[in-house]
C-alpha atoms as a PDB file:
ATOM      1  CA  MET A   1       0.006  -0.007  -0.040  1.00  0.00           C
ATOM      2  CA  GLN A   2       1.104   3.586  -0.556  1.00  0.00           C
ATOM      3  CA  LYS A   3       2.163   5.686   2.407  1.00  0.00           C
ATOM      4  CA  LEU A   4      -0.409   8.240   3.629  1.00  0.00           C
ATOM      5  CA  VAL A   5       1.198  11.033   5.646  1.00  0.00           C
ATOM      6  CA  ILE A   6       0.107  14.434   4.154  1.00  0.00           C
ATOM      7  CA  ILE A   7      -2.672  14.530   1.682  1.00  0.00           C
ATOM      8  CA  GLN A   8      -3.406  17.826   0.126  1.00  0.00           C
ATOM      9  CA  SER A   9      -5.837  17.882  -2.713  1.00  0.00           C
ATOM     10  CA  ARG A  10      -8.900  19.150  -4.367  1.00  0.00           C
ATOM     11  CA  ALA A  11     -12.042  17.217  -3.377  1.00  0.00           C
ATOM     12  CA  ILE A  12     -15.120  15.752  -4.950  1.00  0.00           C
ATOM     13  CA  PRO A  13     -18.480  16.649  -3.237  1.00  0.00           C
ATOM     14  CA  LEU A  14     -21.101  13.974  -2.873  1.00  0.00           C
ATOM     15  CA  PRO A  15     -23.663  15.386  -0.526  1.00  0.00           C
ATOM     16  CA  VAL A  16     -25.779  12.313  -0.178  1.00  0.00           C
ATOM     17  CA  GLU A  17     -26.500  10.712   3.218  1.00  0.00           C
ATOM     18  CA  ASN A  18     -26.666   6.946   3.985  1.00  0.00           C
ATOM     19  CA  ILE A  19     -24.572   5.822   0.996  1.00  0.00           C
ATOM     20  CA  ASP A  20     -24.467   2.027   1.344  1.00  0.00           C
ATOM     21  CA  THR A  21     -21.866  -0.388   0.070  1.00  0.00           C
ATOM     22  CA  ASP A  22     -24.195  -1.538  -2.675  1.00  0.00           C
ATOM     23  CA  GLN A  23     -24.305   2.014  -4.057  1.00  0.00           C
ATOM     24  CA  ILE A  24     -20.519   2.203  -3.709  1.00  0.00           C
ATOM     25  CA  ILE A  25     -19.984  -0.990  -5.668  1.00  0.00           C
ATOM     26  CA  PRO A  26     -23.112  -2.995  -6.730  1.00  0.00           C
ATOM     27  CA  ALA A  27     -23.182  -6.655  -5.886  1.00  0.00           C
ATOM     28  CA  ARG A  28     -23.091  -7.819  -9.508  1.00  0.00           C
ATOM     29  CA  PHE A  29     -19.564  -6.619  -9.742  1.00  0.00           C
ATOM     30  CA  LEU A  30     -18.147  -8.701  -6.858  1.00  0.00           C
ATOM     31  CA  LYS A  31     -17.035 -11.584  -8.921  1.00  0.00           C
ATOM     32  CA  SER A  32     -13.312 -10.948  -8.776  1.00  0.00           C
ATOM     33  CA  ILE A  33     -10.980 -11.465  -5.883  1.00  0.00           C
ATOM     34  CA  ASP A  34      -8.420  -9.148  -7.440  1.00  0.00           C
ATOM     35  CA  LYS A  35      -8.496  -5.696  -6.052  1.00  0.00           C
ATOM     36  CA  ASN A  36      -7.705  -4.033  -9.396  1.00  0.00           C
ATOM     37  CA  GLY A  37     -10.394  -2.819 -11.728  1.00  0.00           C
ATOM     38  CA  PHE A  38     -13.121  -2.115  -9.135  1.00  0.00           C
ATOM     39  CA  GLY A  39     -12.712   1.601  -9.567  1.00  0.00           C
ATOM     40  CA  ASP A  40     -14.336   1.257 -13.036  1.00  0.00           C
ATOM     41  CA  ASN A  41     -17.606   0.352 -11.403  1.00  0.00           C
ATOM     42  CA  LEU A  42     -17.414   2.700  -8.366  1.00  0.00           C
ATOM     43  CA  PHE A  43     -20.928   4.142  -7.955  1.00  0.00           C
ATOM     44  CA  ARG A  44     -21.819   2.360 -11.191  1.00  0.00           C
ATOM     45  CA  ASP A  45     -25.577   2.817 -11.032  1.00  0.00           C
ATOM     46  CA  TRP A  46     -25.123   6.486 -10.400  1.00  0.00           C
ATOM     47  CA  ARG A  47     -22.374   7.154 -12.952  1.00  0.00           C
ATOM     48  CA  TYR A  48     -24.077   5.330 -15.853  1.00  0.00           C
ATOM     49  CA  ASN A  49     -27.557   5.166 -17.146  1.00  0.00           C
ATOM     50  CA  VAL A  50     -28.898   1.646 -16.355  1.00  0.00           C
ATOM     51  CA  HIS A  51     -30.588   1.237 -19.739  1.00  0.00           C
ATOM     52  CA  THR A  52     -28.163   2.874 -22.156  1.00  0.00           C
ATOM     53  CA  ASN A  53     -24.855   2.354 -20.245  1.00  0.00           C
ATOM     54  CA  GLU A  54     -23.990   5.934 -21.095  1.00  0.00           C
ATOM     55  CA  PRO A  55     -22.303   8.244 -18.521  1.00  0.00           C
ATOM     56  CA  ASN A  56     -24.750  10.189 -16.434  1.00  0.00           C
ATOM     57  CA  PRO A  57     -23.710  13.885 -16.967  1.00  0.00           C
ATOM     58  CA  ASP A  58     -25.447  14.902 -13.812  1.00  0.00           C
ATOM     59  CA  PHE A  59     -23.323  12.699 -11.447  1.00  0.00           C
ATOM     60  CA  VAL A  60     -20.282  14.389 -10.006  1.00  0.00           C
ATOM     61  CA  LEU A  61     -17.678  11.817 -10.997  1.00  0.00           C
ATOM     62  CA  ASN A  62     -18.526  12.604 -14.643  1.00  0.00           C
ATOM     63  CA  ASN A  63     -18.215  16.306 -14.170  1.00  0.00           C
ATOM     64  CA  PRO A  64     -14.703  17.393 -15.213  1.00  0.00           C
ATOM     65  CA  THR A  65     -15.021  20.474 -12.947  1.00  0.00           C
ATOM     66  CA  TYR A  66     -14.395  18.281  -9.947  1.00  0.00           C
ATOM     67  CA  SER A  67     -11.273  16.231  -9.310  1.00  0.00           C
ATOM     68  CA  GLY A  68      -8.960  15.059  -6.469  1.00  0.00           C
ATOM     69  CA  GLU A  69      -7.943  12.333  -4.112  1.00  0.00           C
ATOM     70  CA  ILE A  70     -10.522  13.224  -1.419  1.00  0.00           C
ATOM     71  CA  LEU A  71     -14.204  12.347  -1.442  1.00  0.00           C
ATOM     72  CA  VAL A  72     -16.460  14.374   0.730  1.00  0.00           C
ATOM     73  CA  ALA A  73     -19.724  12.594   1.304  1.00  0.00           C
ATOM     74  CA  GLY A  74     -22.861  13.029   3.443  1.00  0.00           C
ATOM     75  CA  ASN A  75     -23.542  11.511   6.912  1.00  0.00           C
ATOM     76  CA  ASN A  76     -23.451   7.740   7.517  1.00  0.00           C
ATOM     77  CA  PHE A  77     -21.103   6.710   4.673  1.00  0.00           C
ATOM     78  CA  GLY A  78     -20.490   2.961   3.979  1.00  0.00           C
ATOM     79  CA  CYS A  79     -23.574   1.524   5.736  1.00  0.00           C
ATOM     80  CA  GLY A  80     -25.195  -1.747   4.563  1.00  0.00           C
ATOM     81  CA  SER A  81     -23.303  -4.900   3.912  1.00  0.00           C
ATOM     82  CA  SER A  82     -19.787  -5.694   5.093  1.00  0.00           C
ATOM     83  CA  ARG A  83     -18.208  -6.118   1.554  1.00  0.00           C
ATOM     84  CA  GLU A  84     -14.582  -5.106   1.517  1.00  0.00           C
ATOM     85  CA  HIS A  85     -14.921  -4.367  -2.205  1.00  0.00           C
ATOM     86  CA  ALA A  86     -16.381  -0.948  -1.365  1.00  0.00           C
ATOM     87  CA  ALA A  87     -12.943   0.144  -0.072  1.00  0.00           C
ATOM     88  CA  TRP A  88     -11.176  -1.550  -2.975  1.00  0.00           C
ATOM     89  CA  SER A  89     -13.312   0.435  -5.492  1.00  0.00           C
ATOM     90  CA  LEU A  90     -12.615   3.817  -3.807  1.00  0.00           C
ATOM     91  CA  THR A  91      -8.879   3.236  -3.675  1.00  0.00           C
ATOM     92  CA  ASP A  92      -8.750   1.792  -7.104  1.00  0.00           C
ATOM     93  CA  TYR A  93     -10.563   4.797  -8.490  1.00  0.00           C
ATOM     94  CA  GLY A  94      -7.843   7.052  -6.862  1.00  0.00           C
ATOM     95  CA  PHE A  95      -9.312   8.181  -3.599  1.00  0.00           C
ATOM     96  CA  LYS A  96      -6.997   8.357  -0.537  1.00  0.00           C
ATOM     97  CA  VAL A  97      -9.380  10.053   1.911  1.00  0.00           C
ATOM     98  CA  VAL A  98     -13.203   9.982   2.541  1.00  0.00           C
ATOM     99  CA  VAL A  99     -14.652  12.724   4.667  1.00  0.00           C
ATOM    100  CA  SER A 100     -18.037  12.354   6.496  1.00  0.00           C
ATOM    101  CA  SER A 101     -19.686  13.108   9.759  1.00  0.00           C
ATOM    102  CA  PHE A 102     -20.224   9.383  10.359  1.00  0.00           C
ATOM    103  CA  PHE A 103     -18.862   6.117   9.106  1.00  0.00           C
ATOM    104  CA  ALA A 104     -20.323   2.587   9.399  1.00  0.00           C
ATOM    105  CA  ASP A 105     -17.885   0.627  11.649  1.00  0.00           C
ATOM    106  CA  ILE A 106     -17.249  -2.218   9.232  1.00  0.00           C
ATOM    107  CA  PHE A 107     -16.633   0.055   6.327  1.00  0.00           C
ATOM    108  CA  LYS A 108     -14.223   2.059   8.479  1.00  0.00           C
ATOM    109  CA  GLY A 109     -12.195  -0.975   9.354  1.00  0.00           C
ATOM    110  CA  ASN A 110     -12.231  -2.202   5.753  1.00  0.00           C
ATOM    111  CA  ALA A 111     -11.086   1.209   4.530  1.00  0.00           C
ATOM    112  CA  LEU A 112      -8.171   1.450   6.998  1.00  0.00           C
ATOM    113  CA  ASN A 113      -7.130  -2.099   6.098  1.00  0.00           C
ATOM    114  CA  ASN A 114      -6.866  -1.070   2.487  1.00  0.00           C
ATOM    115  CA  GLY A 115      -5.005   2.215   2.722  1.00  0.00           C
ATOM    116  CA  LEU A 116      -8.039   4.466   2.610  1.00  0.00           C
ATOM    117  CA  LEU A 117      -8.387   7.027   5.418  1.00  0.00           C
ATOM    118  CA  PRO A 118     -11.961   7.763   6.704  1.00  0.00           C
ATOM    119  CA  VAL A 119     -11.895  11.245   8.262  1.00  0.00           C
ATOM    120  CA  LYS A 120     -14.842  11.900  10.634  1.00  0.00           C
ATOM    121  CA  VAL A 121     -15.628  15.591  11.093  1.00  0.00           C
ATOM    122  CA  SER A 122     -18.432  17.609  12.700  1.00  0.00           C
ATOM    123  CA  GLU A 123     -21.700  18.047  10.872  1.00  0.00           C
ATOM    124  CA  GLU A 124     -21.088  21.784  10.788  1.00  0.00           C
ATOM    125  CA  PHE A 125     -17.581  21.475   9.281  1.00  0.00           C
ATOM    126  CA  LEU A 126     -18.859  18.897   6.777  1.00  0.00           C
ATOM    127  CA  LYS A 127     -21.623  21.223   5.510  1.00  0.00           C
ATOM    128  CA  GLU A 128     -19.067  24.040   5.129  1.00  0.00           C
ATOM    129  CA  ILE A 129     -16.749  21.825   3.231  1.00  0.00           C
ATOM    130  CA  LEU A 130     -19.482  20.486   0.896  1.00  0.00           C
ATOM    131  CA  SER A 131     -20.966  23.936   0.231  1.00  0.00           C
ATOM    132  CA  ASP A 132     -17.656  25.561  -0.435  1.00  0.00           C
ATOM    133  CA  ILE A 133     -16.027  22.929  -2.688  1.00  0.00           C
ATOM    134  CA  THR A 134     -19.286  22.663  -4.734  1.00  0.00           C
ATOM    135  CA  GLU A 135     -19.126  26.356  -5.451  1.00  0.00           C
ATOM    136  CA  ASN A 136     -15.254  26.571  -5.557  1.00  0.00           C
ATOM    137  CA  PRO A 137     -13.925  23.219  -6.799  1.00  0.00           C
ATOM    138  CA  GLU A 138     -10.402  24.496  -7.046  1.00  0.00           C
ATOM    139  CA  LYS A 139     -10.144  24.699  -3.223  1.00  0.00           C
ATOM    140  CA  GLU A 140      -7.962  22.130  -1.546  1.00  0.00           C
ATOM    141  CA  ILE A 141      -8.217  20.130   1.709  1.00  0.00           C
ATOM    142  CA  LEU A 142      -5.247  19.297   3.772  1.00  0.00           C
ATOM    143  CA  VAL A 143      -5.147  16.134   5.842  1.00  0.00           C
ATOM    144  CA  ASP A 144      -2.209  15.464   8.149  1.00  0.00           C
ATOM    145  CA  VAL A 145      -2.260  11.855   9.409  1.00  0.00           C
ATOM    146  CA  GLU A 146       0.531  12.308  11.820  1.00  0.00           C
ATOM    147  CA  LYS A 147      -1.137  15.279  13.617  1.00  0.00           C
ATOM    148  CA  GLN A 148      -4.607  13.738  12.947  1.00  0.00           C
ATOM    149  CA  THR A 149      -6.021  17.065  11.569  1.00  0.00           C
ATOM    150  CA  ILE A 150      -8.026  18.131   8.582  1.00  0.00           C
ATOM    151  CA  THR A 151      -7.770  21.743   7.438  1.00  0.00           C
ATOM    152  CA  PHE A 152     -10.013  23.784   5.132  1.00  0.00           C
ATOM    153  CA  ASN A 153     -10.508  27.494   4.707  1.00  0.00           C
ATOM    154  CA  ASP A 154      -7.974  27.960   7.539  1.00  0.00           C
ATOM    155  CA  LYS A 155     -10.184  25.995   9.852  1.00  0.00           C
ATOM    156  CA  SER A 156      -8.969  22.771  11.449  1.00  0.00           C
ATOM    157  CA  GLU A 157     -10.494  19.863  13.205  1.00  0.00           C
ATOM    158  CA  SER A 158      -8.947  16.744  14.818  1.00  0.00           C
ATOM    159  CA  PHE A 159     -10.020  13.249  13.854  1.00  0.00           C
ATOM    160  CA  GLU A 160      -9.556   9.970  15.644  1.00  0.00           C
ATOM    161  CA  ILE A 161      -7.597   7.012  14.255  1.00  0.00           C
ATOM    162  CA  ASP A 162      -6.425   3.779  15.866  1.00  0.00           C
ATOM    163  CA  SER A 163      -2.741   4.082  16.716  1.00  0.00           C
ATOM    164  CA  TYR A 164      -1.878   0.744  15.071  1.00  0.00           C
ATOM    165  CA  LYS A 165      -3.741   1.696  11.843  1.00  0.00           C
ATOM    166  CA  LYS A 166      -2.104   5.070  11.958  1.00  0.00           C
ATOM    167  CA  ILE A 167       1.387   3.398  11.914  1.00  0.00           C
ATOM    168  CA  CYS A 168       0.267   1.201   9.082  1.00  0.00           C
ATOM    169  CA  LEU A 169      -1.126   4.094   6.888  1.00  0.00           C
ATOM    170  CA  MET A 170       1.961   6.235   7.409  1.00  0.00           C
ATOM    171  CA  ASN A 171       4.343   3.456   6.474  1.00  0.00           C
ATOM    172  CA  GLY A 172       2.239   1.924   3.814  1.00  0.00           C
ATOM    173  CA  TYR A 173       1.909  -1.352   5.653  1.00  0.00           C
ATOM    174  CA  ASP A 174      -0.787  -4.032   5.595  1.00  0.00           C
ATOM    175  CA  ASP A 175      -0.917  -6.443   8.560  1.00  0.00           C
ATOM    176  CA  ILE A 176       1.759  -8.667   7.104  1.00  0.00           C
ATOM    177  CA  ASP A 177       4.081  -5.774   6.298  1.00  0.00           C
ATOM    178  CA  PHE A 178       3.731  -4.517   9.833  1.00  0.00           C
ATOM    179  CA  LEU A 179       4.743  -7.990  11.312  1.00  0.00           C
ATOM    180  CA  ILE A 180       7.724  -8.109   8.928  1.00  0.00           C
ATOM    181  CA  SER A 181       8.822  -4.676  10.093  1.00  0.00           C
ATOM    182  CA  ARG A 182       8.856  -6.063  13.629  1.00  0.00           C
ATOM    183  CA  LYS A 183      10.768  -9.173  12.763  1.00  0.00           C
ATOM    184  CA  GLN A 184      13.993  -8.320  14.590  1.00  0.00           C
ATOM    185  CA  ALA A 185      12.073  -7.455  17.743  1.00  0.00           C
ATOM    186  CA  ILE A 186      10.067 -10.647  17.530  1.00  0.00           C
ATOM    187  CA  GLN A 187      13.275 -12.660  17.074  1.00  0.00           C
ATOM    188  CA  GLU A 188      14.976 -10.986  20.059  1.00  0.00           C
ATOM    189  CA  PHE A 189      11.861 -11.673  22.141  1.00  0.00           C
ATOM    190  CA  GLU A 190      11.880 -15.277  21.148  1.00  0.00           C
ATOM    191  CA  LEU A 191      15.569 -15.615  22.078  1.00  0.00           C
ATOM    192  CA  LYS A 192      15.079 -14.052  25.522  1.00  0.00           C
ATOM    193  CA  THR A 193      12.034 -16.312  26.115  1.00  0.00           C
ATOM    194  CA  GLN A 194      14.053 -19.370  25.055  1.00  0.00           C
ATOM    195  CA  LYS A 195      16.905 -18.511  27.451  1.00  0.00           C
ATOM    196  CA  VAL A 196      14.403 -18.132  30.309  1.00  0.00           C
ATOM    197  CA  TYR A 197      12.982 -21.611  29.722  1.00  0.00           C
ATOM    198  CA  GLU A 198      16.500 -23.033  29.314  1.00  0.00           C
ATOM    199  CA  ASN A 199      17.461 -21.685  32.760  1.00  0.00           C
END
């Protein structure tokens, strides 16, 4: 996974509440176990006309005015089923951060496990960000993983993140990478334990 330390980027506004995982990646696209390619079908039923398969010009991802590595969504993002493919599709599309005022717990865990940072902000801050980037799409958001802050319009809020997941994100580790990074410490511990038993 790529390292996430400082993310400064324009953002894409999606002011819809209760976006569930089936809207993020519809179930009919879950046939692959490879993480690649899921971004093509991110928000598929919103991005494309179901009958003609043509891009929906009214959907924000099809609007060239908006771009960036940060998705700003409405309250209760990632609810519904526990499919990990939702996080896969967001990262494969190119998002590094999702901002909302609430995340479903399972989605939050899946996101962190796949190098996607869910940033929970207050409802007031979320409304300000959504309103401003909709009107001024060139504005950028700054997310500092180490300081656990998100800054927009010279205003900052802190966000919570599990300390272990923070280490993983900042170093680009998955769970196996983290264990490998601790290999020497593990070996030293095993050696000490072995000596204790031998004595």
